[in-house]
Amino acid sequence: MATSKLQALWNHPAGPKTIHFWAPTFKWGISIANLADSTKPPEKVSYPQQIAVTATGVIWSRYSTVITPKNWNLFSVNIVMAGTGIYQLARKIRHDYFNEDEQAVVAKE
């Protein structure tokens, strides 16, 4: 039984012998690295990098449902990429534009 399931996975159109399997696998690494970057101070977060991660996640999560065969791993990783990118952008924007300490100093002047 296990052998037949392994054989079915191996021969599947989105199995390990195709790019449909490996592309999302490497994208999970990017998503995990972006999640790990949430411990970095917001001033070290890059707008261009996070915009690229977010846009990639949003665009490819849409198109991953259109391709045949459906690749739910690709869809999932792109949702996570979009989520981590949006989170990092929110942290950066909040730090740069809504920092309460800087607003208090400006109000006193």
PDB file of N, CA and C in Angstrom:
ATOM      1  N   MET A   1       0.826  -1.190   0.000  1.00  0.00           N
ATOM      2  CA  MET A   1       0.000   0.000   0.000  1.00  0.00           C
ATOM      3  C   MET A   1       0.870   1.253   0.000  1.00  0.00           C
ATOM      4  N   ALA A   2       1.852   1.328   0.905  1.00  0.00           N
ATOM      5  CA  ALA A   2       2.726   2.499   0.981  1.00  0.00           C
ATOM      6  C   ALA A   2       3.562   2.631  -0.281  1.00  0.00           C
ATOM      7  N   THR A   3       3.970   1.507  -0.835  1.00  0.00           N
ATOM      8  CA  THR A   3       4.756   1.544  -2.062  1.00  0.00           C
ATOM      9  C   THR A   3       3.953   2.107  -3.218  1.00  0.00           C
ATOM     10  N   SER A   4       2.691   1.743  -3.315  1.00  0.00           N
ATOM     11  CA  SER A   4       1.869   2.248  -4.409  1.00  0.00           C
ATOM     12  C   SER A   4       1.613   3.751  -4.251  1.00  0.00           C
ATOM     13  N   LYS A   5       1.463   4.243  -3.013  1.00  0.00           N
ATOM     14  CA  LYS A   5       1.278   5.678  -2.783  1.00  0.00           C
ATOM     15  C   LYS A   5       2.556   6.440  -3.122  1.00  0.00           C
ATOM     16  N   LEU A   6       3.684   5.875  -2.758  1.00  0.00           N
ATOM     17  CA  LEU A   6       4.967   6.501  -3.083  1.00  0.00           C
ATOM     18  C   LEU A   6       5.178   6.525  -4.598  1.00  0.00           C
ATOM     19  N   GLN A   7       4.840   5.442  -5.246  1.00  0.00           N
ATOM     20  CA  GLN A   7       4.941   5.367  -6.705  1.00  0.00           C
ATOM     21  C   GLN A   7       4.002   6.385  -7.359  1.00  0.00           C
ATOM     22  N   ALA A   8       2.791   6.523  -6.819  1.00  0.00           N
ATOM     23  CA  ALA A   8       1.831   7.485  -7.364  1.00  0.00           C
ATOM     24  C   ALA A   8       2.356   8.912  -7.202  1.00  0.00           C
ATOM     25  N   LEU A   9       2.940   9.228  -6.037  1.00  0.00           N
ATOM     26  CA  LEU A   9       3.519  10.555  -5.824  1.00  0.00           C
ATOM     27  C   LEU A   9       4.676  10.793  -6.794  1.00  0.00           C
ATOM     28  N   TRP A  10       5.541   9.805  -6.941  1.00  0.00           N
ATOM     29  CA  TRP A  10       6.704   9.937  -7.807  1.00  0.00           C
ATOM     30  C   TRP A  10       6.301  10.188  -9.263  1.00  0.00           C
ATOM     31  N   ASN A  11       5.246   9.547  -9.721  1.00  0.00           N
ATOM     32  CA  ASN A  11       4.811   9.662 -11.110  1.00  0.00           C
ATOM     33  C   ASN A  11       3.732  10.716 -11.337  1.00  0.00           C
ATOM     34  N   HIS A  12       3.346  11.427 -10.298  1.00  0.00           N
ATOM     35  CA  HIS A  12       2.313  12.458 -10.419  1.00  0.00           C
ATOM     36  C   HIS A  12       2.831  13.622 -11.280  1.00  0.00           C
ATOM     37  N   PRO A  13       1.949  14.282 -12.056  1.00  0.00           N
ATOM     38  CA  PRO A  13       2.377  15.407 -12.899  1.00  0.00           C
ATOM     39  C   PRO A  13       2.980  16.577 -12.110  1.00  0.00           C
ATOM     40  N   ALA A  14       2.698  16.663 -10.817  1.00  0.00           N
ATOM     41  CA  ALA A  14       3.307  17.701  -9.981  1.00  0.00           C
ATOM     42  C   ALA A  14       4.221  17.061  -8.937  1.00  0.00           C
ATOM     43  N   GLY A  15       4.765  15.896  -9.252  1.00  0.00           N
ATOM     44  CA  GLY A  15       5.615  15.159  -8.322  1.00  0.00           C
ATOM     45  C   GLY A  15       7.064  15.634  -8.335  1.00  0.00           C
ATOM     46  N   PRO A  16       7.928  14.958  -7.588  1.00  0.00           N
ATOM     47  CA  PRO A  16       9.320  15.373  -7.408  1.00  0.00           C
ATOM     48  C   PRO A  16      10.168  15.384  -8.685  1.00  0.00           C
ATOM     49  N   LYS A  17       9.663  14.787  -9.758  1.00  0.00           N
ATOM     50  CA  LYS A  17      10.435  14.793 -11.004  1.00  0.00           C
ATOM     51  C   LYS A  17      10.173  16.052 -11.833  1.00  0.00           C
ATOM     52  N   THR A  18       9.358  16.975 -11.323  1.00  0.00           N
ATOM     53  CA  THR A  18       8.989  18.156 -12.110  1.00  0.00           C
ATOM     54  C   THR A  18       9.308  19.442 -11.353  1.00  0.00           C
ATOM     55  N   ILE A  19       9.370  20.538 -12.090  1.00  0.00           N
ATOM     56  CA  ILE A  19       9.590  21.850 -11.490  1.00  0.00           C
ATOM     57  C   ILE A  19       8.385  22.268 -10.661  1.00  0.00           C
ATOM     58  N   HIS A  20       7.211  21.718 -10.965  1.00  0.00           N
ATOM     59  CA  HIS A  20       6.007  22.040 -10.199  1.00  0.00           C
ATOM     60  C   HIS A  20       6.154  21.650  -8.729  1.00  0.00           C
ATOM     61  N   PHE A  21       7.023  20.688  -8.463  1.00  0.00           N
ATOM     62  CA  PHE A  21       7.271  20.265  -7.087  1.00  0.00           C
ATOM     63  C   PHE A  21       8.353  21.132  -6.446  1.00  0.00           C
ATOM     64  N   TRP A  22       9.441  21.391  -7.156  1.00  0.00           N
ATOM     65  CA  TRP A  22      10.608  22.042  -6.555  1.00  0.00           C
ATOM     66  C   TRP A  22      10.469  23.554  -6.418  1.00  0.00           C
ATOM     67  N   ALA A  23       9.759  24.210  -7.328  1.00  0.00           N
ATOM     68  CA  ALA A  23       9.620  25.674  -7.242  1.00  0.00           C
ATOM     69  C   ALA A  23       8.972  26.091  -5.916  1.00  0.00           C
ATOM     70  N   PRO A  24       7.845  25.521  -5.537  1.00  0.00           N
ATOM     71  CA  PRO A  24       7.277  25.927  -4.249  1.00  0.00           C
ATOM     72  C   PRO A  24       8.133  25.504  -3.059  1.00  0.00           C
ATOM     73  N   THR A  25       8.854  24.411  -3.212  1.00  0.00           N
ATOM     74  CA  THR A  25       9.707  23.954  -2.121  1.00  0.00           C
ATOM     75  C   THR A  25      10.767  24.999  -1.805  1.00  0.00           C
ATOM     76  N   PHE A  26      11.383  25.579  -2.829  1.00  0.00           N
ATOM     77  CA  PHE A  26      12.378  26.625  -2.602  1.00  0.00           C
ATOM     78  C   PHE A  26      11.724  27.916  -2.119  1.00  0.00           C
ATOM     79  N   LYS A  27      10.511  28.187  -2.560  1.00  0.00           N
ATOM     80  CA  LYS A  27       9.808  29.387  -2.102  1.00  0.00           C
ATOM     81  C   LYS A  27       9.462  29.297  -0.620  1.00  0.00           C
ATOM     82  N   TRP A  28       9.281  28.092  -0.101  1.00  0.00           N
ATOM     83  CA  TRP A  28       9.053  27.952   1.335  1.00  0.00           C
ATOM     84  C   TRP A  28      10.261  28.474   2.102  1.00  0.00           C
ATOM     85  N   GLY A  29      11.450  28.266   1.556  1.00  0.00           N
ATOM     86  CA  GLY A  29      12.667  28.791   2.194  1.00  0.00           C
ATOM     87  C   GLY A  29      12.641  30.311   2.281  1.00  0.00           C
ATOM     88  N   ILE A  30      12.191  30.964   1.216  1.00  0.00           N
ATOM     89  CA  ILE A  30      12.077  32.430   1.215  1.00  0.00           C
ATOM     90  C   ILE A  30      11.044  32.871   2.253  1.00  0.00           C
ATOM     91  N   SER A  31       9.929  32.181   2.322  1.00  0.00           N
ATOM     92  CA  SER A  31       8.883  32.532   3.286  1.00  0.00           C
ATOM     93  C   SER A  31       9.368  32.373   4.726  1.00  0.00           C
ATOM     94  N   ILE A  32      10.082  31.300   4.991  1.00  0.00           N
ATOM     95  CA  ILE A  32      10.601  31.058   6.339  1.00  0.00           C
ATOM     96  C   ILE A  32      11.651  32.106   6.692  1.00  0.00           C
ATOM     97  N   ALA A  33      12.510  32.459   5.735  1.00  0.00           N
ATOM     98  CA  ALA A  33      13.515  33.498   5.983  1.00  0.00           C
ATOM     99  C   ALA A  33      12.852  34.843   6.248  1.00  0.00           C
ATOM    100  N   ASN A  34      11.790  35.143   5.510  1.00  0.00           N
ATOM    101  CA  ASN A  34      11.079  36.402   5.719  1.00  0.00           C
ATOM    102  C   ASN A  34      10.396  36.410   7.082  1.00  0.00           C
ATOM    103  N   LEU A  35       9.896  35.284   7.509  1.00  0.00           N
ATOM    104  CA  LEU A  35       9.292  35.180   8.831  1.00  0.00           C
ATOM    105  C   LEU A  35      10.364  35.350   9.918  1.00  0.00           C
ATOM    106  N   ALA A  36      11.536  34.783   9.697  1.00  0.00           N
ATOM    107  CA  ALA A  36      12.635  34.934  10.652  1.00  0.00           C
ATOM    108  C   ALA A  36      13.105  36.389  10.726  1.00  0.00           C
ATOM    109  N   ASP A  37      12.963  37.132   9.633  1.00  0.00           N
ATOM    110  CA  ASP A  37      13.351  38.542   9.622  1.00  0.00           C
ATOM    111  C   ASP A  37      12.434  39.407  10.475  1.00  0.00           C
ATOM    112  N   SER A  38      11.333  38.851  10.953  1.00  0.00           N
ATOM    113  CA  SER A  38      10.436  39.643  11.792  1.00  0.00           C
ATOM    114  C   SER A  38      11.082  39.979  13.129  1.00  0.00           C
ATOM    115  N   THR A  39      12.203  39.343  13.453  1.00  0.00           N
ATOM    116  CA  THR A  39      12.925  39.684  14.675  1.00  0.00           C
ATOM    117  C   THR A  39      13.898  40.841  14.445  1.00  0.00           C
ATOM    118  N   LYS A  40      14.137  41.182  13.170  1.00  0.00           N
ATOM    119  CA  LYS A  40      15.011  42.318  12.870  1.00  0.00           C
ATOM    120  C   LYS A  40      14.307  43.620  13.232  1.00  0.00           C
ATOM    121  N   PRO A  41      15.076  44.645  13.594  1.00  0.00           N
ATOM    122  CA  PRO A  41      14.443  45.944  13.839  1.00  0.00           C
ATOM    123  C   PRO A  41      13.799  46.466  12.558  1.00  0.00           C
ATOM    124  N   PRO A  42      12.688  47.172  12.661  1.00  0.00           N
ATOM    125  CA  PRO A  42      11.974  47.643  11.461  1.00  0.00           C
ATOM    126  C   PRO A  42      12.809  48.545  10.565  1.00  0.00           C
ATOM    127  N   GLU A  43      13.750  49.270  11.127  1.00  0.00           N
ATOM    128  CA  GLU A  43      14.565  50.146  10.282  1.00  0.00           C
ATOM    129  C   GLU A  43      15.487  49.375   9.343  1.00  0.00           C
ATOM    130  N   LYS A  44      15.674  48.099   9.598  1.00  0.00           N
ATOM    131  CA  LYS A  44      16.517  47.281   8.715  1.00  0.00           C
ATOM    132  C   LYS A  44      15.707  46.513   7.676  1.00  0.00           C
ATOM    133  N   VAL A  45      14.379  46.675   7.687  1.00  0.00           N
ATOM    134  CA  VAL A  45      13.514  46.023   6.704  1.00  0.00           C
ATOM    135  C   VAL A  45      13.517  46.874   5.441  1.00  0.00           C
ATOM    136  N   SER A  46      13.595  46.216   4.286  1.00  0.00           N
ATOM    137  CA  SER A  46      13.688  46.897   2.999  1.00  0.00           C
ATOM    138  C   SER A  46      12.318  46.990   2.327  1.00  0.00           C
ATOM    139  N   TYR A  47      11.913  48.213   1.970  1.00  0.00           N
ATOM    140  CA  TYR A  47      10.656  48.387   1.235  1.00  0.00           C
ATOM    141  C   TYR A  47      10.669  47.618  -0.091  1.00  0.00           C
ATOM    142  N   PRO A  48      11.691  47.792  -0.941  1.00  0.00           N
ATOM    143  CA  PRO A  48      11.663  47.086  -2.239  1.00  0.00           C
ATOM    144  C   PRO A  48      11.588  45.561  -2.092  1.00  0.00           C
ATOM    145  N   GLN A  49      12.328  45.024  -1.133  1.00  0.00           N
ATOM    146  CA  GLN A  49      12.314  43.570  -0.942  1.00  0.00           C
ATOM    147  C   GLN A  49      10.936  43.101  -0.499  1.00  0.00           C
ATOM    148  N   GLN A  50      10.336  43.783   0.451  1.00  0.00           N
ATOM    149  CA  GLN A  50       9.042  43.357   0.967  1.00  0.00           C
ATOM    150  C   GLN A  50       7.917  43.580  -0.040  1.00  0.00           C
ATOM    151  N   ILE A  51       8.032  44.634  -0.837  1.00  0.00           N
ATOM    152  CA  ILE A  51       7.041  44.843  -1.897  1.00  0.00           C
ATOM    153  C   ILE A  51       7.141  43.710  -2.920  1.00  0.00           C
ATOM    154  N   ALA A  52       8.368  43.309  -3.246  1.00  0.00           N
ATOM    155  CA  ALA A  52       8.559  42.211  -4.199  1.00  0.00           C
ATOM    156  C   ALA A  52       8.004  40.900  -3.643  1.00  0.00           C
ATOM    157  N   VAL A  53       8.261  40.613  -2.376  1.00  0.00           N
ATOM    158  CA  VAL A  53       7.761  39.379  -1.758  1.00  0.00           C
ATOM    159  C   VAL A  53       6.233  39.391  -1.731  1.00  0.00           C
ATOM    160  N   THR A  54       5.653  40.529  -1.345  1.00  0.00           N
ATOM    161  CA  THR A  54       4.197  40.638  -1.273  1.00  0.00           C
ATOM    162  C   THR A  54       3.568  40.500  -2.652  1.00  0.00           C
ATOM    163  N   ALA A  55       4.106  41.220  -3.630  1.00  0.00           N
ATOM    164  CA  ALA A  55       3.546  41.169  -4.990  1.00  0.00           C
ATOM    165  C   ALA A  55       3.654  39.761  -5.576  1.00  0.00           C
ATOM    166  N   THR A  56       4.797  39.124  -5.361  1.00  0.00           N
ATOM    167  CA  THR A  56       4.970  37.755  -5.849  1.00  0.00           C
ATOM    168  C   THR A  56       3.922  36.837  -5.229  1.00  0.00           C
ATOM    169  N   GLY A  57       3.733  36.957  -3.933  1.00  0.00           N
ATOM    170  CA  GLY A  57       2.753  36.114  -3.260  1.00  0.00           C
ATOM    171  C   GLY A  57       1.341  36.343  -3.758  1.00  0.00           C
ATOM    172  N   VAL A  58       0.970  37.611  -3.914  1.00  0.00           N
ATOM    173  CA  VAL A  58      -0.402  37.922  -4.353  1.00  0.00           C
ATOM    174  C   VAL A  58      -0.633  37.455  -5.790  1.00  0.00           C
ATOM    175  N   ILE A  59       0.289  37.804  -6.678  1.00  0.00           N
ATOM    176  CA  ILE A  59       0.120  37.463  -8.092  1.00  0.00           C
ATOM    177  C   ILE A  59       0.099  35.952  -8.306  1.00  0.00           C
ATOM    178  N   TRP A  60       1.091  35.243  -7.740  1.00  0.00           N
ATOM    179  CA  TRP A  60       1.188  33.820  -8.019  1.00  0.00           C
ATOM    180  C   TRP A  60       0.190  32.982  -7.238  1.00  0.00           C
ATOM    181  N   SER A  61      -0.354  33.511  -6.139  1.00  0.00           N
ATOM    182  CA  SER A  61      -1.411  32.747  -5.478  1.00  0.00           C
ATOM    183  C   SER A  61      -2.643  32.702  -6.379  1.00  0.00           C
ATOM    184  N   ARG A  62      -2.863  33.769  -7.121  1.00  0.00           N
ATOM    185  CA  ARG A  62      -3.986  33.783  -8.081  1.00  0.00           C
ATOM    186  C   ARG A  62      -3.723  32.813  -9.232  1.00  0.00           C
ATOM    187  N   TYR A  63      -2.547  32.897  -9.828  1.00  0.00           N
ATOM    188  CA  TYR A  63      -2.273  32.086 -11.011  1.00  0.00           C
ATOM    189  C   TYR A  63      -1.959  30.633 -10.690  1.00  0.00           C
ATOM    190  N   SER A  64      -1.619  30.326  -9.452  1.00  0.00           N
ATOM    191  CA  SER A  64      -1.358  28.924  -9.120  1.00  0.00           C
ATOM    192  C   SER A  64      -2.636  28.095  -9.133  1.00  0.00           C
ATOM    193  N   THR A  65      -3.787  28.754  -9.081  1.00  0.00           N
ATOM    194  CA  THR A  65      -5.047  28.004  -9.157  1.00  0.00           C
ATOM    195  C   THR A  65      -5.502  27.792 -10.594  1.00  0.00           C
ATOM    196  N   VAL A  66      -4.853  28.461 -11.541  1.00  0.00           N
ATOM    197  CA  VAL A  66      -5.259  28.380 -12.940  1.00  0.00           C
ATOM    198  C   VAL A  66      -4.490  27.287 -13.687  1.00  0.00           C
ATOM    199  N   ILE A  67      -3.256  27.040 -13.261  1.00  0.00           N
ATOM    200  CA  ILE A  67      -2.425  26.071 -13.982  1.00  0.00           C
ATOM    201  C   ILE A  67      -2.941  24.649 -13.783  1.00  0.00           C
ATOM    202  N   THR A  68      -2.589  23.799 -14.722  1.00  0.00           N
ATOM    203  CA  THR A  68      -2.952  22.394 -14.638  1.00  0.00           C
ATOM    204  C   THR A  68      -1.678  21.580 -14.615  1.00  0.00           C
ATOM    205  N   PRO A  69      -1.474  20.679 -13.709  1.00  0.00           N
ATOM    206  CA  PRO A  69      -2.367  20.280 -12.628  1.00  0.00           C
ATOM    207  C   PRO A  69      -2.365  21.323 -11.502  1.00  0.00           C
ATOM    208  N   LYS A  70      -3.454  21.371 -10.758  1.00  0.00           N
ATOM    209  CA  LYS A  70      -3.537  22.295  -9.629  1.00  0.00           C
ATOM    210  C   LYS A  70      -2.410  21.952  -8.655  1.00  0.00           C
ATOM    211  N   ASN A  71      -1.704  22.986  -8.235  1.00  0.00           N
ATOM    212  CA  ASN A  71      -0.583  22.778  -7.324  1.00  0.00           C
ATOM    213  C   ASN A  71      -0.891  23.537  -6.036  1.00  0.00           C
ATOM    214  N   TRP A  72      -1.468  22.838  -5.078  1.00  0.00           N
ATOM    215  CA  TRP A  72      -1.887  23.483  -3.837  1.00  0.00           C
ATOM    216  C   TRP A  72      -0.699  23.866  -2.970  1.00  0.00           C
ATOM    217  N   ASN A  73       0.423  23.199  -3.140  1.00  0.00           N
ATOM    218  CA  ASN A  73       1.641  23.582  -2.428  1.00  0.00           C
ATOM    219  C   ASN A  73       2.091  24.966  -2.910  1.00  0.00           C
ATOM    220  N   LEU A  74       2.041  25.200  -4.200  1.00  0.00           N
ATOM    221  CA  LEU A  74       2.401  26.504  -4.759  1.00  0.00           C
ATOM    222  C   LEU A  74       1.430  27.581  -4.275  1.00  0.00           C
ATOM    223  N   PHE A  75       0.150  27.261  -4.246  1.00  0.00           N
ATOM    224  CA  PHE A  75      -0.846  28.207  -3.746  1.00  0.00           C
ATOM    225  C   PHE A  75      -0.571  28.557  -2.282  1.00  0.00           C
ATOM    226  N   SER A  76      -0.322  27.547  -1.466  1.00  0.00           N
ATOM    227  CA  SER A  76      -0.092  27.760  -0.035  1.00  0.00           C
ATOM    228  C   SER A  76       1.132  28.617   0.227  1.00  0.00           C
ATOM    229  N   VAL A  77       2.215  28.313  -0.450  1.00  0.00           N
ATOM    230  CA  VAL A  77       3.437  29.070  -0.204  1.00  0.00           C
ATOM    231  C   VAL A  77       3.275  30.520  -0.648  1.00  0.00           C
ATOM    232  N   ASN A  78       2.516  30.760  -1.686  1.00  0.00           N
ATOM    233  CA  ASN A  78       2.310  32.141  -2.120  1.00  0.00           C
ATOM    234  C   ASN A  78       1.401  32.908  -1.170  1.00  0.00           C
ATOM    235  N   ILE A  79       0.434  32.255  -0.578  1.00  0.00           N
ATOM    236  CA  ILE A  79      -0.387  32.903   0.450  1.00  0.00           C
ATOM    237  C   ILE A  79       0.493  33.279   1.640  1.00  0.00           C
ATOM    238  N   VAL A  80       1.374  32.379   2.035  1.00  0.00           N
ATOM    239  CA  VAL A  80       2.282  32.662   3.156  1.00  0.00           C
ATOM    240  C   VAL A  80       3.244  33.791   2.782  1.00  0.00           C
ATOM    241  N   MET A  81       3.751  33.786   1.559  1.00  0.00           N
ATOM    242  CA  MET A  81       4.644  34.863   1.119  1.00  0.00           C
ATOM    243  C   MET A  81       3.939  36.214   1.174  1.00  0.00           C
ATOM    244  N   ALA A  82       2.721  36.262   0.668  1.00  0.00           N
ATOM    245  CA  ALA A  82       1.957  37.517   0.699  1.00  0.00           C
ATOM    246  C   ALA A  82       1.727  37.956   2.145  1.00  0.00           C
ATOM    247  N   GLY A  83       1.386  37.024   2.994  1.00  0.00           N
ATOM    248  CA  GLY A  83       1.135  37.343   4.398  1.00  0.00           C
ATOM    249  C   GLY A  83       2.354  37.877   5.125  1.00  0.00           C
ATOM    250  N   THR A  84       3.490  37.210   4.944  1.00  0.00           N
ATOM    251  CA  THR A  84       4.703  37.682   5.627  1.00  0.00           C
ATOM    252  C   THR A  84       5.158  39.016   5.054  1.00  0.00           C
ATOM    253  N   GLY A  85       4.996  39.208   3.758  1.00  0.00           N
ATOM    254  CA  GLY A  85       5.360  40.489   3.146  1.00  0.00           C
ATOM    255  C   GLY A  85       4.501  41.627   3.647  1.00  0.00           C
ATOM    256  N   ILE A  86       3.192  41.386   3.740  1.00  0.00           N
ATOM    257  CA  ILE A  86       2.284  42.414   4.248  1.00  0.00           C
ATOM    258  C   ILE A  86       2.614  42.728   5.709  1.00  0.00           C
ATOM    259  N   TYR A  87       2.900  41.707   6.487  1.00  0.00           N
ATOM    260  CA  TYR A  87       3.255  41.920   7.888  1.00  0.00           C
ATOM    261  C   TYR A  87       4.516  42.771   8.010  1.00  0.00           C
ATOM    262  N   GLN A  88       5.546  42.443   7.218  1.00  0.00           N
ATOM    263  CA  GLN A  88       6.799  43.206   7.278  1.00  0.00           C
ATOM    264  C   GLN A  88       6.586  44.644   6.814  1.00  0.00           C
ATOM    265  N   LEU A  89       5.797  44.830   5.751  1.00  0.00           N
ATOM    266  CA  LEU A  89       5.512  46.191   5.287  1.00  0.00           C
ATOM    267  C   LEU A  89       4.755  46.979   6.351  1.00  0.00           C
ATOM    268  N   ALA A  90       3.816  46.349   7.017  1.00  0.00           N
ATOM    269  CA  ALA A  90       3.058  47.028   8.072  1.00  0.00           C
ATOM    270  C   ALA A  90       3.986  47.449   9.209  1.00  0.00           C
ATOM    271  N   ARG A  91       4.906  46.569   9.584  1.00  0.00           N
ATOM    272  CA  ARG A  91       5.886  46.920  10.628  1.00  0.00           C
ATOM    273  C   ARG A  91       6.724  48.116  10.215  1.00  0.00           C
ATOM    274  N   LYS A  92       7.195  48.096   8.970  1.00  0.00           N
ATOM    275  CA  LYS A  92       8.059  49.165   8.467  1.00  0.00           C
ATOM    276  C   LYS A  92       7.290  50.488   8.381  1.00  0.00           C
ATOM    277  N   ILE A  93       6.092  50.460   7.836  1.00  0.00           N
ATOM    278  CA  ILE A  93       5.285  51.680   7.704  1.00  0.00           C
ATOM    279  C   ILE A  93       4.931  52.236   9.086  1.00  0.00           C
ATOM    280  N   ARG A  94       4.544  51.359   9.987  1.00  0.00           N
ATOM    281  CA  ARG A  94       4.217  51.803  11.341  1.00  0.00           C
ATOM    282  C   ARG A  94       5.422  52.470  11.992  1.00  0.00           C
ATOM    283  N   HIS A  95       6.599  51.885  11.802  1.00  0.00           N
ATOM    284  CA  HIS A  95       7.815  52.456  12.389  1.00  0.00           C
ATOM    285  C   HIS A  95       8.174  53.785  11.742  1.00  0.00           C
ATOM    286  N   ASP A  96       8.075  53.861  10.413  1.00  0.00           N
ATOM    287  CA  ASP A  96       8.516  55.067   9.704  1.00  0.00           C
ATOM    288  C   ASP A  96       7.525  56.223   9.791  1.00  0.00           C
ATOM    289  N   TYR A  97       6.242  55.941   9.820  1.00  0.00           N
ATOM    290  CA  TYR A  97       5.251  57.007   9.722  1.00  0.00           C
ATOM    291  C   TYR A  97       4.360  57.178  10.951  1.00  0.00           C
ATOM    292  N   PHE A  98       4.287  56.200  11.808  1.00  0.00           N
ATOM    293  CA  PHE A  98       3.393  56.285  12.948  1.00  0.00           C
ATOM    294  C   PHE A  98       4.108  56.039  14.267  1.00  0.00           C
ATOM    295  N   ASN A  99       5.388  56.380  14.302  1.00  0.00           N
ATOM    296  CA  ASN A  99       6.175  56.182  15.508  1.00  0.00           C
ATOM    297  C   ASN A  99       5.750  57.233  16.540  1.00  0.00           C
ATOM    298  N   GLU A 100       5.193  56.808  17.664  1.00  0.00           N
ATOM    299  CA  GLU A 100       4.656  57.727  18.662  1.00  0.00           C
ATOM    300  C   GLU A 100       5.734  58.571  19.321  1.00  0.00           C
ATOM    301  N   ASP A 101       6.947  58.041  19.505  1.00  0.00           N
ATOM    302  CA  ASP A 101       8.015  58.807  20.134  1.00  0.00           C
ATOM    303  C   ASP A 101       8.400  60.013  19.293  1.00  0.00           C
ATOM    304  N   GLU A 102       8.513  59.831  17.984  1.00  0.00           N
ATOM    305  CA  GLU A 102       8.861  60.941  17.117  1.00  0.00           C
ATOM    306  C   GLU A 102       7.736  61.969  17.053  1.00  0.00           C
ATOM    307  N   GLN A 103       6.496  61.520  17.054  1.00  0.00           N
ATOM    308  CA  GLN A 103       5.365  62.437  17.015  1.00  0.00           C
ATOM    309  C   GLN A 103       5.303  63.276  18.282  1.00  0.00           C
ATOM    310  N   ALA A 104       5.660  62.687  19.416  1.00  0.00           N
ATOM    311  CA  ALA A 104       5.653  63.425  20.677  1.00  0.00           C
ATOM    312  C   ALA A 104       6.716  64.522  20.661  1.00  0.00           C
ATOM    313  N   VAL A 105       7.884  64.236  20.076  1.00  0.00           N
ATOM    314  CA  VAL A 105       8.955  65.225  19.988  1.00  0.00           C
ATOM    315  C   VAL A 105       8.535  66.361  19.051  1.00  0.00           C
ATOM    316  N   VAL A 106       7.925  66.056  17.934  1.00  0.00           N
ATOM    317  CA  VAL A 106       7.472  67.070  16.978  1.00  0.00           C
ATOM    318  C   VAL A 106       6.390  67.929  17.608  1.00  0.00           C
ATOM    319  N   ALA A 107       5.486  67.343  18.388  1.00  0.00           N
ATOM    320  CA  ALA A 107       4.390  68.094  19.014  1.00  0.00           C
ATOM    321  C   ALA A 107       4.909  69.085  20.050  1.00  0.00           C
ATOM    322  N   LYS A 108       6.013  68.737  20.737  1.00  0.00           N
ATOM    323  CA  LYS A 108       6.571  69.629  21.743  1.00  0.00           C
ATOM    324  C   LYS A 108       7.261  70.839  21.134  1.00  0.00           C
ATOM    325  N   GLU A 109       7.741  70.719  19.910  1.00  0.00           N
ATOM    326  CA  GLU A 109       8.488  71.815  19.273  1.00  0.00           C
ATOM    327  C   GLU A 109       7.641  72.925  18.872  1.00  0.00           C
TER     328      GLU A 109
END
